[in-house]
């Protein structure tokens, strides 16, 4: 299990380090780290190029977390409940792999350690860690987005609602692990805020 966790972390970090937004933006002649809010992620690319052109970034950044989680699940023996929630010996490697993918996205080795906020990578990881909570979060996002006419508001509520929704299907320990993953997002936001003050 230690080897499975170690391999999962390495693979998760390398997958997370693939700078999807930077690669896509280069094809359009700019670096997302130098324009807009300087965040190399979906939202900044969307602001520069529009929704349609930014879809590959949305998909790619989300799939980083999903791939890392699925890889860890496979190498650790596919331990899940009847609803697909990771359990037993699979929980630690999967959570570590998703954390590694988020760290890779935030501090990518392939892009000078200047990455994004890891929100979509987190969401993709949740799809593996607790599929039913992920589905409910998507429903929440859609409902709030329609009611408020704001995708951003819906996305924020969905992300912050994940641990609450997860409590319906998973033990407190796994919910706490998800909370720890969310702390990585907070850490990256804090670093970005400090960097903007120094400019």
N, C-alpha and C. Protein backbone atom coordinates (compact mmCIF):
# COMPACT_ATOMS: atom_id res chain seq x y z
N UNK A 1 0.83 -1.21 0.00
CA UNK A 1 0.00 0.00 0.00
C UNK A 1 0.86 1.26 0.00
N UNK A 2 2.01 1.20 0.67
CA UNK A 2 2.91 2.35 0.68
C UNK A 2 3.43 2.63 -0.74
N UNK A 3 3.78 1.57 -1.45
CA UNK A 3 4.26 1.72 -2.82
C UNK A 3 3.15 2.27 -3.71
N UNK A 4 1.93 1.77 -3.53
CA UNK A 4 0.78 2.25 -4.32
C UNK A 4 0.57 3.73 -4.08
N UNK A 5 0.66 4.14 -2.82
CA UNK A 5 0.46 5.55 -2.48
C UNK A 5 1.57 6.41 -3.08
N UNK A 6 2.81 5.93 -3.00
CA UNK A 6 3.95 6.70 -3.52
C UNK A 6 3.84 6.87 -5.04
N UNK A 7 3.55 5.78 -5.74
CA UNK A 7 3.40 5.84 -7.19
C UNK A 7 2.25 6.76 -7.56
N UNK A 8 1.16 6.67 -6.82
CA UNK A 8 -0.02 7.51 -7.09
C UNK A 8 0.30 8.99 -6.92
N UNK A 9 1.08 9.31 -5.91
CA UNK A 9 1.47 10.71 -5.67
C UNK A 9 2.34 11.23 -6.81
N UNK A 10 3.30 10.42 -7.24
CA UNK A 10 4.19 10.84 -8.33
C UNK A 10 3.40 11.05 -9.62
N UNK A 11 2.56 10.08 -9.95
CA UNK A 11 1.76 10.18 -11.16
C UNK A 11 0.79 11.36 -11.06
N UNK A 12 0.16 11.50 -9.89
CA UNK A 12 -0.77 12.60 -9.69
C UNK A 12 -0.11 13.95 -9.87
N UNK A 13 1.08 14.12 -9.32
CA UNK A 13 1.77 15.40 -9.45
C UNK A 13 2.15 15.69 -10.90
N UNK A 14 2.66 14.69 -11.60
CA UNK A 14 3.07 14.90 -12.99
C UNK A 14 1.88 15.21 -13.89
N UNK A 15 0.77 14.51 -13.67
CA UNK A 15 -0.44 14.78 -14.45
C UNK A 15 -0.95 16.18 -14.13
N UNK A 16 -0.95 16.53 -12.84
CA UNK A 16 -1.41 17.86 -12.44
C UNK A 16 -0.54 18.97 -12.99
N UNK A 17 0.71 18.66 -13.26
CA UNK A 17 1.65 19.67 -13.75
C UNK A 17 1.49 20.01 -15.23
N UNK A 18 0.68 19.23 -15.94
CA UNK A 18 0.47 19.54 -17.37
C UNK A 18 -0.26 20.88 -17.47
N UNK A 19 0.37 21.91 -18.02
CA UNK A 19 -0.20 23.26 -18.02
C UNK A 19 -1.20 23.47 -19.17
N UNK A 20 -2.39 22.90 -19.03
CA UNK A 20 -3.38 22.92 -20.10
C UNK A 20 -3.68 24.34 -20.56
N UNK A 21 -3.95 25.23 -19.61
CA UNK A 21 -4.30 26.62 -19.98
C UNK A 21 -3.16 27.32 -20.70
N UNK A 22 -1.94 27.11 -20.25
CA UNK A 22 -0.78 27.75 -20.87
C UNK A 22 -0.58 27.23 -22.29
N UNK A 23 -0.71 25.92 -22.46
CA UNK A 23 -0.53 25.32 -23.79
C UNK A 23 -1.59 25.81 -24.76
N UNK A 24 -2.84 25.87 -24.30
CA UNK A 24 -3.91 26.34 -25.17
C UNK A 24 -3.74 27.82 -25.51
N UNK A 25 -3.42 28.61 -24.49
CA UNK A 25 -3.27 30.05 -24.71
C UNK A 25 -2.13 30.36 -25.67
N UNK A 26 -1.07 29.58 -25.61
CA UNK A 26 0.05 29.81 -26.53
C UNK A 26 -0.38 29.68 -27.98
N UNK A 27 -1.32 28.78 -28.24
CA UNK A 27 -1.83 28.61 -29.61
C UNK A 27 -2.59 29.85 -30.06
N UNK A 28 -3.03 30.66 -29.10
CA UNK A 28 -3.75 31.89 -29.43
C UNK A 28 -2.87 33.12 -29.22
N UNK A 29 -1.59 32.90 -28.97
CA UNK A 29 -0.64 34.00 -28.94
C UNK A 29 -0.50 34.76 -27.64
N UNK A 30 -0.86 34.17 -26.51
CA UNK A 30 -0.66 34.87 -25.25
C UNK A 30 -0.38 33.89 -24.12
N UNK A 31 0.09 34.42 -23.01
CA UNK A 31 0.37 33.64 -21.80
C UNK A 31 -0.63 34.07 -20.74
N UNK A 32 -1.49 33.18 -20.24
CA UNK A 32 -2.50 33.56 -19.25
C UNK A 32 -1.90 34.07 -17.94
N UNK A 33 -0.63 33.80 -17.72
CA UNK A 33 0.03 34.27 -16.51
C UNK A 33 0.48 35.72 -16.63
N UNK A 34 0.26 36.30 -17.81
CA UNK A 34 0.68 37.69 -18.04
C UNK A 34 -0.49 38.62 -18.37
N UNK A 35 -1.70 38.07 -18.41
CA UNK A 35 -2.87 38.89 -18.75
C UNK A 35 -4.01 38.60 -17.77
N UNK A 36 -5.01 39.49 -17.76
CA UNK A 36 -6.17 39.29 -16.89
C UNK A 36 -5.78 39.20 -15.43
N UNK A 37 -6.30 38.18 -14.75
CA UNK A 37 -5.96 38.01 -13.33
C UNK A 37 -4.68 37.20 -13.14
N UNK A 38 -4.00 36.89 -14.26
CA UNK A 38 -2.72 36.18 -14.28
C UNK A 38 -2.82 34.74 -13.76
N UNK A 39 -4.01 34.21 -13.71
CA UNK A 39 -4.21 32.84 -13.26
C UNK A 39 -4.29 31.92 -14.48
N UNK A 40 -3.39 30.96 -14.60
CA UNK A 40 -3.42 30.05 -15.75
C UNK A 40 -4.46 28.95 -15.58
N UNK A 41 -5.71 29.36 -15.63
CA UNK A 41 -6.80 28.41 -15.46
C UNK A 41 -7.97 28.75 -16.36
N UNK A 42 -9.04 28.01 -16.20
CA UNK A 42 -10.21 28.14 -17.07
C UNK A 42 -10.79 29.55 -17.10
N UNK A 43 -11.00 30.13 -15.91
CA UNK A 43 -11.71 31.41 -15.87
C UNK A 43 -10.98 32.52 -16.62
N UNK A 44 -9.68 32.58 -16.43
CA UNK A 44 -8.90 33.62 -17.12
C UNK A 44 -8.88 33.39 -18.62
N UNK A 45 -8.74 32.14 -19.05
CA UNK A 45 -8.77 31.83 -20.48
C UNK A 45 -10.14 32.16 -21.06
N UNK A 46 -11.20 31.87 -20.30
CA UNK A 46 -12.55 32.19 -20.76
C UNK A 46 -12.71 33.70 -20.94
N UNK A 47 -12.16 34.46 -20.02
CA UNK A 47 -12.27 35.92 -20.13
C UNK A 47 -11.53 36.45 -21.36
N UNK A 48 -10.46 35.76 -21.75
CA UNK A 48 -9.67 36.21 -22.89
C UNK A 48 -10.22 35.71 -24.22
N UNK A 49 -10.74 34.47 -24.23
CA UNK A 49 -11.11 33.84 -25.50
C UNK A 49 -12.58 33.48 -25.63
N UNK A 50 -13.33 33.52 -24.52
CA UNK A 50 -14.73 33.11 -24.57
C UNK A 50 -14.92 31.68 -24.10
N UNK A 51 -16.17 31.33 -23.83
CA UNK A 51 -16.50 30.02 -23.28
C UNK A 51 -16.05 28.87 -24.17
N UNK A 52 -16.42 28.95 -25.44
CA UNK A 52 -16.17 27.82 -26.34
C UNK A 52 -14.69 27.48 -26.43
N UNK A 53 -13.86 28.47 -26.58
CA UNK A 53 -12.42 28.24 -26.71
C UNK A 53 -11.81 27.73 -25.41
N UNK A 54 -12.45 28.06 -24.28
CA UNK A 54 -11.89 27.68 -22.97
C UNK A 54 -12.35 26.31 -22.50
N UNK A 55 -13.27 25.68 -23.21
CA UNK A 55 -13.78 24.36 -22.80
C UNK A 55 -12.67 23.32 -22.62
N UNK A 56 -11.67 23.25 -23.52
CA UNK A 56 -10.60 22.27 -23.31
C UNK A 56 -9.86 22.48 -21.99
N UNK A 57 -9.74 23.73 -21.55
CA UNK A 57 -9.08 23.99 -20.26
C UNK A 57 -9.95 23.47 -19.13
N UNK A 58 -11.24 23.75 -19.21
CA UNK A 58 -12.18 23.26 -18.19
C UNK A 58 -12.09 21.73 -18.09
N UNK A 59 -12.15 21.07 -19.24
CA UNK A 59 -12.11 19.61 -19.25
C UNK A 59 -10.75 19.08 -18.79
N UNK A 60 -9.69 19.67 -19.32
CA UNK A 60 -8.35 19.19 -18.99
C UNK A 60 -8.01 19.33 -17.52
N UNK A 61 -8.30 20.50 -16.94
CA UNK A 61 -7.98 20.73 -15.53
C UNK A 61 -8.82 19.83 -14.62
N UNK A 62 -10.07 19.57 -15.01
CA UNK A 62 -10.93 18.68 -14.22
C UNK A 62 -10.44 17.25 -14.30
N UNK A 63 -10.09 16.82 -15.50
CA UNK A 63 -9.65 15.44 -15.70
C UNK A 63 -8.33 15.12 -15.02
N UNK A 64 -7.54 16.14 -14.71
CA UNK A 64 -6.31 15.90 -13.95
C UNK A 64 -6.64 15.20 -12.63
N UNK A 65 -7.60 15.77 -11.88
CA UNK A 65 -7.99 15.19 -10.60
C UNK A 65 -8.65 13.84 -10.76
N UNK A 66 -9.48 13.71 -11.80
CA UNK A 66 -10.18 12.45 -12.04
C UNK A 66 -9.19 11.34 -12.39
N UNK A 67 -8.26 11.65 -13.30
CA UNK A 67 -7.27 10.64 -13.69
C UNK A 67 -6.41 10.22 -12.50
N UNK A 68 -5.93 11.21 -11.74
CA UNK A 68 -5.08 10.89 -10.59
C UNK A 68 -5.83 10.00 -9.60
N UNK A 69 -7.09 10.34 -9.32
CA UNK A 69 -7.89 9.55 -8.38
C UNK A 69 -8.15 8.15 -8.89
N UNK A 70 -8.50 8.01 -10.17
CA UNK A 70 -8.77 6.69 -10.74
C UNK A 70 -7.52 5.83 -10.79
N UNK A 71 -6.39 6.46 -11.11
CA UNK A 71 -5.14 5.71 -11.14
C UNK A 71 -4.83 5.13 -9.76
N UNK A 72 -4.96 5.98 -8.74
CA UNK A 72 -4.70 5.51 -7.37
C UNK A 72 -5.68 4.43 -6.95
N UNK A 73 -6.93 4.58 -7.36
CA UNK A 73 -7.95 3.58 -7.03
C UNK A 73 -7.61 2.23 -7.65
N UNK A 74 -7.14 2.25 -8.88
CA UNK A 74 -6.79 1.01 -9.57
C UNK A 74 -5.57 0.33 -8.95
N UNK A 75 -4.53 1.11 -8.70
CA UNK A 75 -3.29 0.50 -8.18
C UNK A 75 -3.43 0.07 -6.72
N UNK A 76 -4.41 0.62 -6.01
CA UNK A 76 -4.59 0.25 -4.61
C UNK A 76 -5.64 -0.85 -4.42
N UNK A 77 -6.29 -1.26 -5.50
CA UNK A 77 -7.20 -2.41 -5.39
C UNK A 77 -8.68 -2.13 -5.52
N UNK A 78 -9.08 -0.95 -5.90
CA UNK A 78 -10.49 -0.58 -6.11
C UNK A 78 -11.35 -0.93 -4.89
N UNK A 79 -11.14 -0.21 -3.82
CA UNK A 79 -11.96 -0.37 -2.61
C UNK A 79 -13.00 0.74 -2.57
N UNK A 80 -14.27 0.39 -2.82
CA UNK A 80 -15.34 1.38 -2.79
C UNK A 80 -16.60 0.79 -2.17
N UNK A 81 -17.52 1.68 -1.80
CA UNK A 81 -18.82 1.24 -1.32
C UNK A 81 -19.71 0.96 -2.53
N UNK A 82 -20.94 0.55 -2.27
CA UNK A 82 -21.88 0.26 -3.36
C UNK A 82 -22.21 1.51 -4.17
N UNK A 83 -22.03 2.69 -3.58
CA UNK A 83 -22.29 3.94 -4.28
C UNK A 83 -21.05 4.50 -4.97
N UNK A 84 -19.94 3.76 -4.88
CA UNK A 84 -18.72 4.19 -5.54
C UNK A 84 -17.82 5.07 -4.71
N UNK A 85 -18.17 5.29 -3.45
CA UNK A 85 -17.34 6.12 -2.56
C UNK A 85 -16.09 5.34 -2.16
N UNK A 86 -14.93 5.97 -2.27
CA UNK A 86 -13.71 5.25 -1.89
C UNK A 86 -13.76 4.85 -0.43
N UNK A 87 -13.21 3.68 -0.14
CA UNK A 87 -13.29 3.17 1.23
C UNK A 87 -12.06 2.32 1.52
N UNK A 88 -11.89 2.01 2.79
CA UNK A 88 -10.84 1.11 3.22
C UNK A 88 -9.46 1.52 2.77
N UNK A 89 -8.72 0.53 2.23
CA UNK A 89 -7.33 0.74 1.86
C UNK A 89 -7.17 1.69 0.68
N UNK A 90 -8.24 1.93 -0.06
CA UNK A 90 -8.13 2.81 -1.22
C UNK A 90 -8.22 4.29 -0.90
N UNK A 91 -8.75 4.63 0.27
CA UNK A 91 -9.02 6.03 0.59
C UNK A 91 -7.74 6.88 0.65
N UNK A 92 -6.72 6.38 1.33
CA UNK A 92 -5.50 7.18 1.50
C UNK A 92 -4.79 7.42 0.16
N UNK A 93 -4.52 6.36 -0.64
CA UNK A 93 -3.85 6.61 -1.92
C UNK A 93 -4.64 7.55 -2.83
N UNK A 94 -5.96 7.40 -2.87
CA UNK A 94 -6.77 8.25 -3.75
C UNK A 94 -6.69 9.70 -3.30
N UNK A 95 -6.86 9.95 -2.02
CA UNK A 95 -6.80 11.33 -1.52
C UNK A 95 -5.43 11.94 -1.71
N UNK A 96 -4.39 11.15 -1.51
CA UNK A 96 -3.03 11.64 -1.71
C UNK A 96 -2.77 11.95 -3.19
N UNK A 97 -3.29 11.09 -4.07
CA UNK A 97 -3.10 11.31 -5.51
C UNK A 97 -3.81 12.58 -5.96
N UNK A 98 -5.02 12.80 -5.47
CA UNK A 98 -5.76 14.01 -5.82
C UNK A 98 -5.03 15.24 -5.27
N UNK A 99 -4.54 15.14 -4.05
CA UNK A 99 -3.76 16.24 -3.46
C UNK A 99 -2.53 16.54 -4.31
N UNK A 100 -1.86 15.49 -4.75
CA UNK A 100 -0.66 15.66 -5.58
C UNK A 100 -1.01 16.32 -6.91
N UNK A 101 -2.14 15.94 -7.51
CA UNK A 101 -2.57 16.55 -8.77
C UNK A 101 -2.88 18.02 -8.56
N UNK A 102 -3.51 18.35 -7.44
CA UNK A 102 -3.81 19.75 -7.12
C UNK A 102 -2.52 20.55 -6.92
N UNK A 103 -1.56 19.96 -6.23
CA UNK A 103 -0.28 20.62 -6.01
C UNK A 103 0.45 20.80 -7.34
N UNK A 104 0.36 19.77 -8.20
CA UNK A 104 0.98 19.88 -9.52
C UNK A 104 0.35 20.98 -10.34
N UNK A 105 -0.98 21.11 -10.25
CA UNK A 105 -1.66 22.17 -10.99
C UNK A 105 -1.27 23.55 -10.44
N UNK A 106 -1.17 23.66 -9.14
CA UNK A 106 -0.83 24.94 -8.51
C UNK A 106 0.64 25.30 -8.68
N UNK A 107 1.51 24.31 -8.58
CA UNK A 107 2.95 24.53 -8.70
C UNK A 107 3.53 23.51 -9.69
N UNK A 108 3.25 23.72 -10.99
CA UNK A 108 3.61 22.72 -12.01
C UNK A 108 5.09 22.70 -12.38
N UNK A 109 5.68 21.54 -12.35
CA UNK A 109 7.09 21.41 -12.71
C UNK A 109 7.31 21.72 -14.18
N UNK A 110 6.28 21.55 -15.02
CA UNK A 110 6.42 21.78 -16.45
C UNK A 110 6.14 23.23 -16.86
N UNK A 111 5.84 24.09 -15.88
CA UNK A 111 5.51 25.48 -16.22
C UNK A 111 6.11 26.45 -15.21
N UNK A 112 7.33 26.18 -14.79
CA UNK A 112 8.03 27.10 -13.89
C UNK A 112 7.39 27.26 -12.53
N UNK A 113 6.63 26.27 -12.10
CA UNK A 113 5.98 26.28 -10.78
C UNK A 113 5.01 27.45 -10.62
N UNK A 114 4.48 27.94 -11.75
CA UNK A 114 3.49 29.02 -11.73
C UNK A 114 2.18 28.48 -12.29
N UNK A 115 1.31 28.04 -11.40
CA UNK A 115 0.08 27.40 -11.84
C UNK A 115 -1.19 28.07 -11.35
N UNK A 116 -2.29 27.35 -11.46
CA UNK A 116 -3.61 27.88 -11.14
C UNK A 116 -4.06 27.59 -9.72
N UNK A 117 -5.35 27.73 -9.50
CA UNK A 117 -5.92 27.63 -8.15
C UNK A 117 -6.35 26.22 -7.75
N UNK A 118 -6.39 25.29 -8.71
CA UNK A 118 -6.69 23.88 -8.45
C UNK A 118 -8.16 23.57 -8.16
N UNK A 119 -9.06 24.50 -8.41
CA UNK A 119 -10.48 24.25 -8.10
C UNK A 119 -11.05 23.15 -8.98
N UNK A 120 -10.82 23.22 -10.28
CA UNK A 120 -11.35 22.20 -11.18
C UNK A 120 -10.67 20.85 -10.95
N UNK A 121 -9.39 20.86 -10.65
CA UNK A 121 -8.69 19.61 -10.35
C UNK A 121 -9.26 18.98 -9.09
N UNK A 122 -9.59 19.80 -8.10
CA UNK A 122 -10.26 19.32 -6.90
C UNK A 122 -11.60 18.69 -7.25
N UNK A 123 -12.38 19.37 -8.09
CA UNK A 123 -13.69 18.86 -8.48
C UNK A 123 -13.57 17.51 -9.18
N UNK A 124 -12.58 17.40 -10.06
CA UNK A 124 -12.37 16.13 -10.74
C UNK A 124 -11.99 15.02 -9.78
N UNK A 125 -11.23 15.36 -8.76
CA UNK A 125 -10.87 14.37 -7.75
C UNK A 125 -12.06 13.94 -6.91
N UNK A 126 -12.94 14.88 -6.58
CA UNK A 126 -14.14 14.56 -5.81
C UNK A 126 -15.03 13.57 -6.56
N UNK A 127 -15.02 13.66 -7.90
CA UNK A 127 -15.81 12.74 -8.71
C UNK A 127 -15.39 11.30 -8.47
N UNK A 128 -14.14 11.08 -8.07
CA UNK A 128 -13.65 9.74 -7.76
C UNK A 128 -13.80 9.44 -6.27
N UNK A 129 -13.48 10.41 -5.44
CA UNK A 129 -13.54 10.20 -3.98
C UNK A 129 -14.96 9.92 -3.51
N UNK A 130 -15.92 10.69 -4.02
CA UNK A 130 -17.32 10.52 -3.60
C UNK A 130 -18.24 10.90 -4.77
N UNK A 131 -18.47 9.98 -5.70
CA UNK A 131 -19.29 10.29 -6.88
C UNK A 131 -20.67 10.87 -6.57
N UNK A 132 -21.42 10.34 -5.59
CA UNK A 132 -22.75 10.92 -5.35
C UNK A 132 -22.69 12.37 -4.87
N UNK A 133 -21.70 12.72 -4.06
CA UNK A 133 -21.55 14.11 -3.62
C UNK A 133 -21.20 15.00 -4.80
N UNK A 134 -20.38 14.47 -5.71
CA UNK A 134 -20.02 15.22 -6.92
C UNK A 134 -21.27 15.51 -7.76
N UNK A 135 -22.10 14.51 -7.95
CA UNK A 135 -23.32 14.68 -8.75
C UNK A 135 -24.24 15.71 -8.10
N UNK A 136 -24.42 15.63 -6.78
CA UNK A 136 -25.27 16.60 -6.09
C UNK A 136 -24.69 18.00 -6.17
N UNK A 137 -23.37 18.10 -6.13
CA UNK A 137 -22.72 19.42 -6.24
C UNK A 137 -22.98 20.01 -7.63
N UNK A 138 -22.98 19.18 -8.66
CA UNK A 138 -23.27 19.66 -10.01
C UNK A 138 -24.72 20.14 -10.10
N UNK A 139 -25.62 19.40 -9.46
CA UNK A 139 -27.03 19.82 -9.43
C UNK A 139 -27.17 21.15 -8.70
N UNK A 140 -26.46 21.29 -7.59
CA UNK A 140 -26.49 22.54 -6.83
C UNK A 140 -25.94 23.68 -7.67
N UNK A 141 -24.84 23.44 -8.35
CA UNK A 141 -24.24 24.46 -9.22
C UNK A 141 -25.25 24.93 -10.27
N UNK A 142 -25.89 23.97 -10.93
CA UNK A 142 -26.83 24.31 -12.00
C UNK A 142 -28.02 25.09 -11.46
N UNK A 143 -28.55 24.63 -10.31
CA UNK A 143 -29.73 25.29 -9.74
C UNK A 143 -29.43 26.73 -9.32
N UNK A 144 -28.29 26.92 -8.65
CA UNK A 144 -27.92 28.26 -8.20
C UNK A 144 -27.58 29.16 -9.38
N UNK A 145 -26.88 28.59 -10.36
CA UNK A 145 -26.51 29.38 -11.54
C UNK A 145 -27.75 29.87 -12.28
N UNK A 146 -28.77 29.01 -12.39
CA UNK A 146 -30.01 29.41 -13.05
C UNK A 146 -30.75 30.46 -12.22
N UNK A 147 -30.80 30.23 -10.90
CA UNK A 147 -31.54 31.14 -10.02
C UNK A 147 -30.89 32.51 -9.93
N UNK A 148 -29.57 32.54 -9.92
CA UNK A 148 -28.85 33.82 -9.76
C UNK A 148 -28.32 34.37 -11.08
N UNK A 149 -28.44 33.55 -12.14
CA UNK A 149 -27.88 33.92 -13.44
C UNK A 149 -26.38 34.19 -13.36
N UNK A 150 -25.73 33.44 -12.48
CA UNK A 150 -24.28 33.59 -12.30
C UNK A 150 -23.64 32.22 -12.11
N UNK A 151 -22.85 31.79 -13.11
CA UNK A 151 -22.13 30.53 -12.99
C UNK A 151 -21.13 30.58 -11.84
N UNK A 152 -20.50 31.75 -11.66
CA UNK A 152 -19.48 31.90 -10.62
C UNK A 152 -20.06 31.66 -9.23
N UNK A 153 -21.25 32.21 -8.96
CA UNK A 153 -21.89 32.02 -7.66
C UNK A 153 -22.24 30.55 -7.46
N UNK A 154 -22.80 29.94 -8.50
CA UNK A 154 -23.14 28.52 -8.41
C UNK A 154 -21.93 27.65 -8.16
N UNK A 155 -20.83 27.97 -8.84
CA UNK A 155 -19.59 27.19 -8.68
C UNK A 155 -19.05 27.30 -7.26
N UNK A 156 -19.08 28.51 -6.71
CA UNK A 156 -18.56 28.69 -5.35
C UNK A 156 -19.38 27.90 -4.34
N UNK A 157 -20.71 27.99 -4.43
CA UNK A 157 -21.56 27.26 -3.50
C UNK A 157 -21.39 25.76 -3.66
N UNK A 158 -21.22 25.30 -4.89
CA UNK A 158 -21.05 23.87 -5.12
C UNK A 158 -19.75 23.37 -4.49
N UNK A 159 -18.67 24.12 -4.68
CA UNK A 159 -17.38 23.71 -4.11
C UNK A 159 -17.43 23.69 -2.59
N UNK A 160 -17.94 24.78 -2.00
CA UNK A 160 -17.99 24.83 -0.54
C UNK A 160 -19.02 23.85 0.03
N UNK A 161 -19.97 23.45 -0.81
CA UNK A 161 -20.99 22.50 -0.34
C UNK A 161 -20.56 21.06 -0.39
N UNK A 162 -19.45 20.76 -1.06
CA UNK A 162 -19.01 19.38 -1.22
C UNK A 162 -18.88 18.63 0.11
N UNK A 163 -18.18 19.17 1.12
CA UNK A 163 -18.06 18.41 2.38
C UNK A 163 -19.41 18.12 3.04
N UNK A 164 -20.32 19.08 2.97
CA UNK A 164 -21.65 18.88 3.56
C UNK A 164 -22.38 17.76 2.82
N UNK A 165 -22.34 17.79 1.51
CA UNK A 165 -22.99 16.75 0.71
C UNK A 165 -22.32 15.40 0.93
N UNK A 166 -21.01 15.43 1.09
CA UNK A 166 -20.26 14.19 1.28
C UNK A 166 -20.63 13.48 2.58
N UNK A 167 -21.03 14.25 3.57
CA UNK A 167 -21.42 13.66 4.86
C UNK A 167 -22.60 12.70 4.73
N UNK A 168 -23.36 12.86 3.67
CA UNK A 168 -24.51 11.98 3.44
C UNK A 168 -24.08 10.58 3.00
N UNK A 169 -22.84 10.46 2.51
CA UNK A 169 -22.42 9.20 1.91
C UNK A 169 -21.11 8.63 2.44
N UNK A 170 -20.35 9.43 3.16
CA UNK A 170 -19.00 9.01 3.55
C UNK A 170 -18.75 9.25 5.04
N UNK A 171 -17.80 8.52 5.62
CA UNK A 171 -17.45 8.74 7.03
C UNK A 171 -16.77 10.09 7.24
N UNK A 172 -16.79 10.54 8.48
CA UNK A 172 -16.22 11.85 8.81
C UNK A 172 -14.75 11.94 8.42
N UNK A 173 -14.03 10.83 8.55
CA UNK A 173 -12.60 10.85 8.22
C UNK A 173 -12.36 11.23 6.75
N UNK A 174 -13.20 10.70 5.86
CA UNK A 174 -13.04 11.01 4.45
C UNK A 174 -13.46 12.45 4.16
N UNK A 175 -14.48 12.91 4.87
CA UNK A 175 -14.90 14.30 4.72
C UNK A 175 -13.78 15.24 5.18
N UNK A 176 -13.12 14.87 6.27
CA UNK A 176 -12.00 15.67 6.76
C UNK A 176 -10.87 15.72 5.74
N UNK A 177 -10.64 14.60 5.05
CA UNK A 177 -9.61 14.56 4.00
C UNK A 177 -9.98 15.51 2.87
N UNK A 178 -11.26 15.55 2.53
CA UNK A 178 -11.72 16.48 1.50
C UNK A 178 -11.51 17.92 1.96
N UNK A 179 -11.77 18.18 3.23
CA UNK A 179 -11.52 19.51 3.79
C UNK A 179 -10.06 19.89 3.68
N UNK A 180 -9.18 18.92 3.88
CA UNK A 180 -7.74 19.18 3.75
C UNK A 180 -7.38 19.53 2.31
N UNK A 181 -8.03 18.86 1.35
CA UNK A 181 -7.80 19.19 -0.05
C UNK A 181 -8.25 20.62 -0.35
N UNK A 182 -9.36 21.03 0.25
CA UNK A 182 -9.84 22.39 0.04
C UNK A 182 -8.88 23.42 0.63
N UNK A 183 -8.15 23.02 1.66
CA UNK A 183 -7.16 23.93 2.24
C UNK A 183 -6.04 24.25 1.24
N UNK A 184 -5.75 23.29 0.35
CA UNK A 184 -4.75 23.55 -0.69
C UNK A 184 -5.22 24.68 -1.61
N UNK A 185 -6.54 24.71 -1.90
CA UNK A 185 -7.09 25.79 -2.71
C UNK A 185 -6.91 27.12 -1.97
N UNK A 186 -7.23 27.11 -0.67
CA UNK A 186 -7.07 28.32 0.12
C UNK A 186 -5.63 28.79 0.17
N UNK A 187 -4.71 27.84 0.27
CA UNK A 187 -3.28 28.18 0.29
C UNK A 187 -2.86 28.85 -1.01
N UNK A 188 -3.35 28.32 -2.12
CA UNK A 188 -2.99 28.88 -3.43
C UNK A 188 -3.59 30.27 -3.61
N UNK A 189 -4.82 30.47 -3.14
CA UNK A 189 -5.44 31.79 -3.20
C UNK A 189 -4.66 32.79 -2.35
N UNK A 190 -4.23 32.33 -1.17
CA UNK A 190 -3.46 33.21 -0.30
C UNK A 190 -2.14 33.61 -0.93
N UNK A 191 -1.47 32.65 -1.56
CA UNK A 191 -0.21 32.96 -2.24
C UNK A 191 -0.44 33.95 -3.37
N UNK A 192 -1.53 33.77 -4.12
CA UNK A 192 -1.82 34.68 -5.23
C UNK A 192 -2.09 36.10 -4.72
N UNK A 193 -2.79 36.19 -3.58
CA UNK A 193 -3.09 37.50 -3.00
C UNK A 193 -1.81 38.21 -2.57
N UNK A 194 -0.88 37.46 -1.97
CA UNK A 194 0.39 38.05 -1.56
C UNK A 194 1.21 38.51 -2.76
N UNK A 195 1.19 37.69 -3.82
CA UNK A 195 1.94 38.06 -5.02
C UNK A 195 1.41 39.33 -5.65
N UNK A 196 0.07 39.48 -5.66
CA UNK A 196 -0.53 40.67 -6.28
C UNK A 196 -0.18 41.94 -5.49
N UNK A 197 -0.03 41.81 -4.19
CA UNK A 197 0.33 42.97 -3.36
C UNK A 197 1.76 43.42 -3.62
N UNK A 198 2.60 42.47 -3.98
CA UNK A 198 4.02 42.80 -4.20
C UNK A 198 4.27 43.46 -5.56
N UNK A 199 3.29 43.34 -6.47
CA UNK A 199 3.48 43.93 -7.80
C UNK A 199 3.30 45.42 -7.77
